[in-house]
Structure formats: C-alpha cells, structure tokens
C-alpha cells in the first residue's frame, strides 16, 4: 500500500514540476536533468520511465519526512 501511495504522490510531484516548466520537455531544465541523470547516452524509454518513477517516489518520501 505504501508503494502505491508513494507512486501516486510522486506522480503528483512530477506533474507539478511539469506545470512549473510549462511542459517544455526539450527546454533547458529537462535537458540538463536528462544529461545529469544519464550522461551522454540515455537509456531506452522504458528504463528512463522506470528511473523517473523511482526518483518521483523518492522525492515524495523525502517531502513527507519534513
């Protein structure tokens, strides 16, 4: 149950971040984020999605600890 709540909370946080950056996925913030997370050779889409969900869950858990 906790994993599901962390996933939903993390997705909400990612949606908020997308709104803040106005959904410009090729903009400077997301380009920087992709480069720092994966280097010059990003993995396949499924692996990136899995990593993004892991990050979102972690970010949600950290925000809950405050």
Protein backbone atom coordinates (compact mmCIF):
# COMPACT_ATOMS: atom_id res chain seq x y z
CA UNK A 1 0.00 0.00 0.00
CA UNK A 2 2.83 2.39 0.83
CA UNK A 3 4.47 1.79 -2.53
CA UNK A 4 1.23 2.74 -4.31
CA UNK A 5 0.85 5.92 -2.25
CA UNK A 6 4.47 6.85 -2.90
CA UNK A 7 3.92 6.31 -6.63
CA UNK A 8 0.76 8.44 -6.69
CA UNK A 9 2.39 11.17 -4.59
CA UNK A 10 5.49 11.07 -6.77
CA UNK A 11 3.41 11.34 -9.94
CA UNK A 12 1.68 14.36 -8.44
CA UNK A 13 5.06 15.97 -7.70
CA UNK A 14 6.25 15.28 -11.24
CA UNK A 15 3.04 16.76 -12.66
CA UNK A 16 3.62 19.89 -10.58
CA UNK A 17 7.18 20.10 -11.89
CA UNK A 18 5.93 19.68 -15.45
CA UNK A 19 3.45 22.52 -14.90
CA UNK A 20 6.17 24.77 -13.47
CA UNK A 21 8.35 24.14 -16.53
CA UNK A 22 5.28 24.59 -18.78
CA UNK A 23 5.68 21.09 -20.25
CA UNK A 24 8.79 22.17 -22.18
CA UNK A 25 10.49 18.77 -22.15
CA UNK A 26 13.17 19.94 -24.58
CA UNK A 27 13.80 23.09 -22.55
CA UNK A 28 16.95 23.84 -20.56
CA UNK A 29 15.78 22.30 -17.26
CA UNK A 30 14.75 18.93 -18.67
CA UNK A 31 17.75 18.76 -20.99
CA UNK A 32 20.02 19.41 -18.00
CA UNK A 33 18.13 16.85 -15.89
CA UNK A 34 18.44 14.17 -18.60
CA UNK A 35 22.15 14.84 -19.07
CA UNK A 36 23.00 14.79 -15.37
CA UNK A 37 20.91 11.69 -14.72
CA UNK A 38 22.04 9.53 -17.62
CA UNK A 39 25.11 11.11 -19.19
CA UNK A 40 25.61 11.48 -22.92
CA UNK A 41 23.97 8.13 -23.80
CA UNK A 42 20.48 7.97 -22.29
CA UNK A 43 18.91 4.53 -21.90
CA UNK A 44 15.80 3.30 -23.66
CA UNK A 45 12.44 4.90 -22.94
CA UNK A 46 11.23 2.13 -20.59
CA UNK A 47 14.38 2.40 -18.47
CA UNK A 48 14.05 6.19 -18.33
CA UNK A 49 10.42 5.87 -17.23
CA UNK A 50 11.36 3.41 -14.51
CA UNK A 51 14.14 5.71 -13.29
CA UNK A 52 11.79 8.72 -13.33
CA UNK A 53 9.21 6.84 -11.24
CA UNK A 54 11.89 5.77 -8.77
CA UNK A 55 13.02 9.40 -8.47
CA UNK A 56 9.42 10.60 -8.06
CA UNK A 57 8.78 8.07 -5.28
CA UNK A 58 11.99 9.09 -3.53
CA UNK A 59 11.19 12.80 -3.83
CA UNK A 60 7.71 12.22 -2.42
CA UNK A 61 9.09 10.26 0.54
CA UNK A 62 11.64 13.00 1.26
CA UNK A 63 8.95 15.69 1.18
CA UNK A 64 6.83 13.66 3.61
CA UNK A 65 9.71 13.46 6.09
CA UNK A 66 9.89 17.23 6.56
